[in-house]
N, C-alpha and C. Protein backbone atom coordinates (compact mmCIF):
# COMPACT_ATOMS: atom_id res chain seq x y z
N UNK A 1 15.09 60.75 47.35
CA UNK A 1 15.66 59.62 48.06
C UNK A 1 14.93 58.32 47.73
N UNK A 2 13.58 58.30 47.68
CA UNK A 2 12.89 57.06 47.35
C UNK A 2 13.20 56.58 45.93
N UNK A 3 13.47 57.48 45.02
CA UNK A 3 13.79 57.10 43.64
C UNK A 3 15.14 56.39 43.61
N UNK A 4 16.11 56.91 44.33
CA UNK A 4 17.44 56.30 44.37
C UNK A 4 17.34 54.93 45.03
N UNK A 5 16.56 54.82 46.09
CA UNK A 5 16.39 53.54 46.77
C UNK A 5 15.70 52.52 45.86
N UNK A 6 14.74 52.94 45.09
CA UNK A 6 14.04 52.05 44.15
C UNK A 6 15.00 51.57 43.06
N UNK A 7 15.79 52.47 42.53
CA UNK A 7 16.77 52.12 41.49
C UNK A 7 17.79 51.14 42.06
N UNK A 8 18.24 51.37 43.29
CA UNK A 8 19.22 50.49 43.91
C UNK A 8 18.62 49.09 44.12
N UNK A 9 17.35 49.01 44.56
CA UNK A 9 16.71 47.71 44.75
C UNK A 9 16.54 46.97 43.42
N UNK A 10 16.20 47.67 42.37
CA UNK A 10 16.06 47.05 41.04
C UNK A 10 17.42 46.54 40.56
N UNK A 11 18.47 47.32 40.78
CA UNK A 11 19.81 46.90 40.37
C UNK A 11 20.26 45.66 41.13
N UNK A 12 19.99 45.61 42.46
CA UNK A 12 20.36 44.44 43.26
C UNK A 12 19.55 43.23 42.79
N UNK A 13 18.28 43.43 42.48
CA UNK A 13 17.44 42.33 41.99
C UNK A 13 17.95 41.79 40.67
N UNK A 14 18.33 42.67 39.74
CA UNK A 14 18.87 42.23 38.46
C UNK A 14 20.22 41.54 38.63
N UNK A 15 21.04 42.03 39.54
CA UNK A 15 22.33 41.40 39.80
C UNK A 15 22.14 40.01 40.40
N UNK A 16 21.07 39.81 41.17
CA UNK A 16 20.78 38.50 41.73
C UNK A 16 20.28 37.53 40.66
N UNK A 17 19.64 38.03 39.59
CA UNK A 17 19.15 37.18 38.52
C UNK A 17 20.27 36.74 37.57
N UNK A 18 21.36 37.48 37.53
CA UNK A 18 22.46 37.18 36.60
C UNK A 18 23.04 35.78 36.82
N UNK A 19 23.39 35.36 38.04
CA UNK A 19 23.90 33.99 38.21
C UNK A 19 22.86 32.93 37.83
N UNK A 20 21.59 33.21 38.07
CA UNK A 20 20.55 32.28 37.68
C UNK A 20 20.50 32.11 36.16
N UNK A 21 20.58 33.21 35.44
CA UNK A 21 20.58 33.14 33.98
C UNK A 21 21.82 32.41 33.46
N UNK A 22 22.98 32.67 34.08
CA UNK A 22 24.21 32.01 33.65
C UNK A 22 24.15 30.51 33.89
N UNK A 23 23.66 30.09 35.05
CA UNK A 23 23.59 28.66 35.35
C UNK A 23 22.56 27.98 34.45
N UNK A 24 21.48 28.67 34.12
CA UNK A 24 20.49 28.12 33.22
C UNK A 24 21.09 27.92 31.83
N UNK A 25 21.85 28.89 31.36
CA UNK A 25 22.51 28.79 30.05
C UNK A 25 23.54 27.66 30.06
N UNK A 26 24.28 27.53 31.16
CA UNK A 26 25.28 26.48 31.27
C UNK A 26 24.63 25.11 31.25
N UNK A 27 23.52 24.96 31.95
CA UNK A 27 22.80 23.69 31.98
C UNK A 27 22.28 23.33 30.59
N UNK A 28 21.73 24.30 29.89
CA UNK A 28 21.22 24.05 28.55
C UNK A 28 22.35 23.66 27.60
N UNK A 29 23.49 24.35 27.69
CA UNK A 29 24.63 24.03 26.84
C UNK A 29 25.17 22.64 27.16
N UNK A 30 25.24 22.28 28.44
CA UNK A 30 25.70 20.95 28.83
C UNK A 30 24.79 19.86 28.29
N UNK A 31 23.49 20.09 28.33
CA UNK A 31 22.54 19.12 27.78
C UNK A 31 22.74 18.96 26.28
N UNK A 32 22.93 20.07 25.59
CA UNK A 32 23.15 20.02 24.14
C UNK A 32 24.43 19.26 23.80
N UNK A 33 25.47 19.47 24.59
CA UNK A 33 26.74 18.78 24.37
C UNK A 33 26.56 17.27 24.56
N UNK A 34 25.88 16.87 25.62
CA UNK A 34 25.65 15.44 25.86
C UNK A 34 24.82 14.81 24.75
N UNK A 35 23.83 15.54 24.26
CA UNK A 35 23.00 15.03 23.18
C UNK A 35 23.83 14.86 21.91
N UNK A 36 24.69 15.83 21.60
CA UNK A 36 25.54 15.73 20.42
C UNK A 36 26.57 14.60 20.56
N UNK A 37 27.09 14.39 21.77
CA UNK A 37 28.03 13.29 21.99
C UNK A 37 27.35 11.94 21.79
N UNK A 38 26.11 11.83 22.24
CA UNK A 38 25.35 10.59 22.02
C UNK A 38 25.15 10.34 20.53
N UNK A 39 24.78 11.39 19.80
CA UNK A 39 24.61 11.25 18.36
C UNK A 39 25.91 10.84 17.69
N UNK A 40 27.03 11.45 18.09
CA UNK A 40 28.32 11.11 17.51
C UNK A 40 28.67 9.65 17.79
N UNK A 41 28.42 9.20 19.02
CA UNK A 41 28.70 7.80 19.36
C UNK A 41 27.83 6.85 18.55
N UNK A 42 26.57 7.22 18.33
CA UNK A 42 25.69 6.39 17.50
C UNK A 42 26.21 6.30 16.07
N UNK A 43 26.65 7.44 15.52
CA UNK A 43 27.17 7.44 14.14
C UNK A 43 28.47 6.65 14.05
N UNK A 44 29.33 6.75 15.06
CA UNK A 44 30.57 5.98 15.05
C UNK A 44 30.28 4.49 15.12
N UNK A 45 29.30 4.10 15.95
CA UNK A 45 28.94 2.68 16.04
C UNK A 45 28.39 2.19 14.70
N UNK A 46 27.57 2.99 14.07
CA UNK A 46 27.02 2.62 12.75
C UNK A 46 28.14 2.51 11.72
N UNK A 47 29.10 3.41 11.80
CA UNK A 47 30.24 3.37 10.88
C UNK A 47 31.04 2.09 11.06
N UNK A 48 31.26 1.68 12.31
CA UNK A 48 31.99 0.44 12.57
C UNK A 48 31.21 -0.77 12.08
N UNK A 49 29.89 -0.73 12.24
CA UNK A 49 29.06 -1.82 11.73
C UNK A 49 29.17 -1.93 10.21
N UNK A 50 29.15 -0.79 9.53
CA UNK A 50 29.26 -0.80 8.07
C UNK A 50 30.64 -1.28 7.62
N UNK A 51 31.70 -0.89 8.35
CA UNK A 51 33.03 -1.38 8.02
C UNK A 51 33.11 -2.89 8.16
N UNK A 52 32.50 -3.43 9.21
CA UNK A 52 32.50 -4.88 9.40
C UNK A 52 31.70 -5.56 8.29
N UNK A 53 30.59 -4.96 7.89
CA UNK A 53 29.79 -5.53 6.81
C UNK A 53 30.55 -5.52 5.49
N UNK A 54 31.28 -4.44 5.23
CA UNK A 54 32.09 -4.36 4.01
C UNK A 54 33.17 -5.43 4.02
N UNK A 55 33.80 -5.62 5.17
CA UNK A 55 34.84 -6.64 5.27
C UNK A 55 34.26 -8.03 5.03
N UNK A 56 33.08 -8.30 5.56
CA UNK A 56 32.48 -9.63 5.36
C UNK A 56 32.05 -9.81 3.91
N UNK A 57 31.58 -8.74 3.26
CA UNK A 57 31.16 -8.85 1.87
C UNK A 57 32.34 -9.01 0.91
N UNK A 58 33.52 -8.57 1.32
CA UNK A 58 34.69 -8.65 0.46
C UNK A 58 35.43 -9.97 0.59
N UNK A 59 34.96 -10.87 1.43
CA UNK A 59 35.63 -12.16 1.63
C UNK A 59 35.55 -12.97 0.34
N UNK A 60 36.67 -13.59 -0.05
CA UNK A 60 36.75 -14.31 -1.31
C UNK A 60 35.80 -15.50 -1.35
N UNK A 61 35.69 -16.25 -0.26
CA UNK A 61 34.80 -17.41 -0.27
C UNK A 61 33.34 -17.00 -0.42
N UNK A 62 32.96 -15.86 0.14
CA UNK A 62 31.59 -15.37 -0.02
C UNK A 62 31.34 -14.97 -1.47
N UNK A 63 32.32 -14.33 -2.11
CA UNK A 63 32.17 -13.91 -3.50
C UNK A 63 32.04 -15.14 -4.40
N UNK A 64 32.86 -16.16 -4.15
CA UNK A 64 32.77 -17.39 -4.94
C UNK A 64 31.42 -18.08 -4.75
N UNK A 65 30.92 -18.12 -3.52
CA UNK A 65 29.63 -18.74 -3.24
C UNK A 65 28.51 -17.98 -3.95
N UNK A 66 28.56 -16.65 -3.91
CA UNK A 66 27.55 -15.84 -4.60
C UNK A 66 27.61 -16.09 -6.11
N UNK A 67 28.82 -16.21 -6.66
CA UNK A 67 28.96 -16.44 -8.10
C UNK A 67 28.36 -17.80 -8.48
N UNK A 68 28.58 -18.81 -7.65
CA UNK A 68 28.04 -20.14 -7.95
C UNK A 68 26.52 -20.19 -7.76
N UNK A 69 26.04 -19.69 -6.63
CA UNK A 69 24.63 -19.86 -6.30
C UNK A 69 23.72 -18.85 -7.00
N UNK A 70 24.03 -17.59 -6.88
CA UNK A 70 23.13 -16.57 -7.40
C UNK A 70 23.31 -16.34 -8.90
N UNK A 71 24.55 -16.33 -9.36
CA UNK A 71 24.82 -16.04 -10.77
C UNK A 71 24.99 -17.30 -11.61
N UNK A 72 24.95 -18.47 -10.96
CA UNK A 72 25.08 -19.76 -11.65
C UNK A 72 26.37 -19.84 -12.47
N UNK A 73 27.46 -19.35 -11.89
CA UNK A 73 28.76 -19.43 -12.55
C UNK A 73 29.48 -20.67 -12.03
N UNK A 74 30.43 -21.14 -12.82
CA UNK A 74 31.22 -22.28 -12.38
C UNK A 74 32.65 -22.09 -12.86
N UNK A 75 33.55 -22.82 -12.25
CA UNK A 75 34.97 -22.71 -12.60
C UNK A 75 35.17 -23.21 -14.04
N UNK A 76 36.09 -22.62 -14.78
CA UNK A 76 36.30 -23.06 -16.17
C UNK A 76 36.90 -24.47 -16.20
N UNK A 77 36.48 -25.21 -17.21
CA UNK A 77 36.99 -26.57 -17.35
C UNK A 77 38.32 -26.58 -18.09
N UNK A 78 38.47 -25.71 -19.06
CA UNK A 78 39.71 -25.62 -19.85
C UNK A 78 40.33 -24.25 -19.66
N UNK A 79 41.63 -24.23 -19.71
CA UNK A 79 42.35 -22.96 -19.64
C UNK A 79 42.90 -22.68 -21.03
N UNK A 80 42.64 -21.51 -21.53
CA UNK A 80 43.05 -21.13 -22.86
C UNK A 80 44.14 -20.07 -22.76
N UNK A 81 45.26 -20.32 -23.43
CA UNK A 81 46.36 -19.37 -23.46
C UNK A 81 46.46 -18.78 -24.85
N UNK A 82 46.60 -17.49 -24.94
CA UNK A 82 46.73 -16.79 -26.21
C UNK A 82 48.12 -16.19 -26.31
N UNK A 83 48.71 -16.30 -27.46
CA UNK A 83 49.99 -15.63 -27.69
C UNK A 83 49.74 -14.39 -28.53
N UNK A 84 50.44 -13.35 -28.20
CA UNK A 84 50.28 -12.08 -28.88
C UNK A 84 51.58 -11.77 -29.60
N UNK A 85 51.48 -11.49 -30.87
CA UNK A 85 52.66 -11.24 -31.68
C UNK A 85 53.06 -9.77 -31.73
N UNK A 86 52.34 -8.93 -31.04
CA UNK A 86 52.63 -7.50 -31.03
C UNK A 86 53.46 -7.19 -29.80
N UNK A 87 54.56 -6.42 -29.95
CA UNK A 87 55.36 -6.08 -28.76
C UNK A 87 54.57 -5.15 -27.84
N UNK A 88 54.92 -5.22 -26.57
CA UNK A 88 54.22 -4.37 -25.61
C UNK A 88 54.62 -2.91 -25.80
N UNK A 89 53.79 -1.97 -25.40
CA UNK A 89 54.11 -0.55 -25.57
C UNK A 89 55.31 -0.17 -24.71
N UNK A 90 56.00 0.90 -25.13
CA UNK A 90 57.18 1.37 -24.40
C UNK A 90 56.82 1.83 -22.99
N UNK A 91 55.77 2.55 -22.87
CA UNK A 91 55.36 3.04 -21.55
C UNK A 91 53.91 2.64 -21.30
N UNK A 92 53.60 2.54 -20.05
CA UNK A 92 52.23 2.18 -19.67
C UNK A 92 51.35 3.41 -19.78
N UNK A 93 50.30 3.37 -20.58
CA UNK A 93 49.43 4.56 -20.65
C UNK A 93 48.64 4.70 -19.35
N UNK A 94 48.83 5.82 -18.72
CA UNK A 94 48.17 6.10 -17.45
C UNK A 94 47.45 7.44 -17.60
N UNK A 95 46.23 7.53 -17.11
CA UNK A 95 45.54 8.83 -17.15
C UNK A 95 46.34 9.91 -16.41
N UNK A 96 46.28 11.12 -16.92
CA UNK A 96 47.05 12.22 -16.35
C UNK A 96 46.75 12.47 -14.88
N UNK A 97 45.54 12.20 -14.46
CA UNK A 97 45.18 12.48 -13.06
C UNK A 97 45.93 11.58 -12.09
N UNK A 98 46.52 10.46 -12.58
CA UNK A 98 47.26 9.57 -11.71
C UNK A 98 48.77 9.84 -11.74
N UNK A 99 49.20 10.72 -12.61
CA UNK A 99 50.62 11.05 -12.70
C UNK A 99 50.95 12.19 -11.75
N UNK A 100 52.18 12.21 -11.22
CA UNK A 100 52.55 13.33 -10.35
C UNK A 100 52.65 14.61 -11.18
N UNK A 101 52.39 15.75 -10.56
CA UNK A 101 52.46 17.01 -11.31
C UNK A 101 53.89 17.26 -11.77
N UNK A 102 54.01 17.80 -12.98
CA UNK A 102 55.33 18.09 -13.53
C UNK A 102 55.89 19.36 -12.89
N UNK A 103 57.18 19.30 -12.56
CA UNK A 103 57.84 20.47 -11.97
C UNK A 103 58.41 21.33 -13.09
N UNK A 104 58.21 22.62 -12.96
CA UNK A 104 58.76 23.54 -13.95
C UNK A 104 60.18 23.89 -13.56
N UNK A 105 61.06 23.94 -14.55
CA UNK A 105 62.46 24.26 -14.27
C UNK A 105 62.59 25.75 -13.98
N UNK A 106 63.45 26.07 -13.04
CA UNK A 106 63.71 27.46 -12.70
C UNK A 106 62.69 28.06 -11.75
N UNK A 107 61.66 27.36 -11.41
CA UNK A 107 60.66 27.87 -10.49
C UNK A 107 60.80 27.10 -9.19
N UNK A 108 61.04 27.84 -8.10
CA UNK A 108 61.17 27.19 -6.80
C UNK A 108 59.80 26.84 -6.25
N UNK A 109 59.78 25.80 -5.46
CA UNK A 109 58.54 25.39 -4.83
C UNK A 109 58.15 26.42 -3.78
N UNK A 110 56.85 26.53 -3.55
CA UNK A 110 56.39 27.41 -2.47
C UNK A 110 56.78 26.78 -1.14
N UNK A 111 57.54 27.52 -0.38
CA UNK A 111 57.98 27.03 0.92
C UNK A 111 57.42 27.93 1.99
N UNK A 112 57.12 27.35 3.11
CA UNK A 112 56.60 28.15 4.21
C UNK A 112 57.75 28.92 4.86
N UNK A 113 57.39 29.90 5.66
CA UNK A 113 58.39 30.77 6.27
C UNK A 113 59.26 30.01 7.24
N UNK A 114 58.71 28.99 7.92
CA UNK A 114 59.50 28.27 8.90
C UNK A 114 60.50 27.34 8.22
N UNK A 115 60.20 26.84 7.02
CA UNK A 115 61.18 26.04 6.29
C UNK A 115 62.35 26.89 5.84
N UNK A 116 62.08 28.10 5.43
CA UNK A 116 63.15 29.02 5.05
C UNK A 116 64.01 29.36 6.26
N UNK A 117 63.37 29.51 7.42
CA UNK A 117 64.09 29.81 8.65
C UNK A 117 64.99 28.64 9.05
N UNK A 118 64.51 27.41 8.88
CA UNK A 118 65.32 26.24 9.20
C UNK A 118 66.52 26.12 8.27
N UNK A 119 66.39 26.57 7.04
CA UNK A 119 67.52 26.53 6.10
C UNK A 119 68.64 27.46 6.53
N UNK A 120 68.31 28.49 7.28
CA UNK A 120 69.32 29.44 7.74
C UNK A 120 70.16 28.92 8.89
N UNK A 121 69.65 27.90 9.59
CA UNK A 121 70.37 27.35 10.72
C UNK A 121 71.61 26.58 10.27
N UNK A 122 72.70 26.59 11.06
CA UNK A 122 73.96 25.96 10.63
C UNK A 122 73.97 24.44 10.78
N UNK A 123 72.88 23.82 11.17
CA UNK A 123 72.88 22.38 11.35
C UNK A 123 72.83 21.66 10.01
N UNK A 124 73.48 20.49 9.92
CA UNK A 124 73.47 19.76 8.63
C UNK A 124 72.14 19.11 8.37
């Protein structure tokens, strides 16, 4: 009888510790989430600052000022026009990576199952 009573008391004690362990884990997880949210907000603010800096650096008047002051450039005094006696090429040479992929004839595009299902419906 004393052994059963001891086991029952240990079980009740462990069952009483379970909510404490759960609340401790929940508190720790909540703290970690708040810390990560703060870090995310800091990175977003830094990203917005960099976007604003990029926009200010791309301003045309700033670029002209930098060209005059730092690079000692000045506007051209004369404009020179050249005539070219060679006709322009038939097509514009563009690198292949900028062209759309060529479709093969007779090969259907990969379609998802829901697109095939929509084709079966009688709606126009």
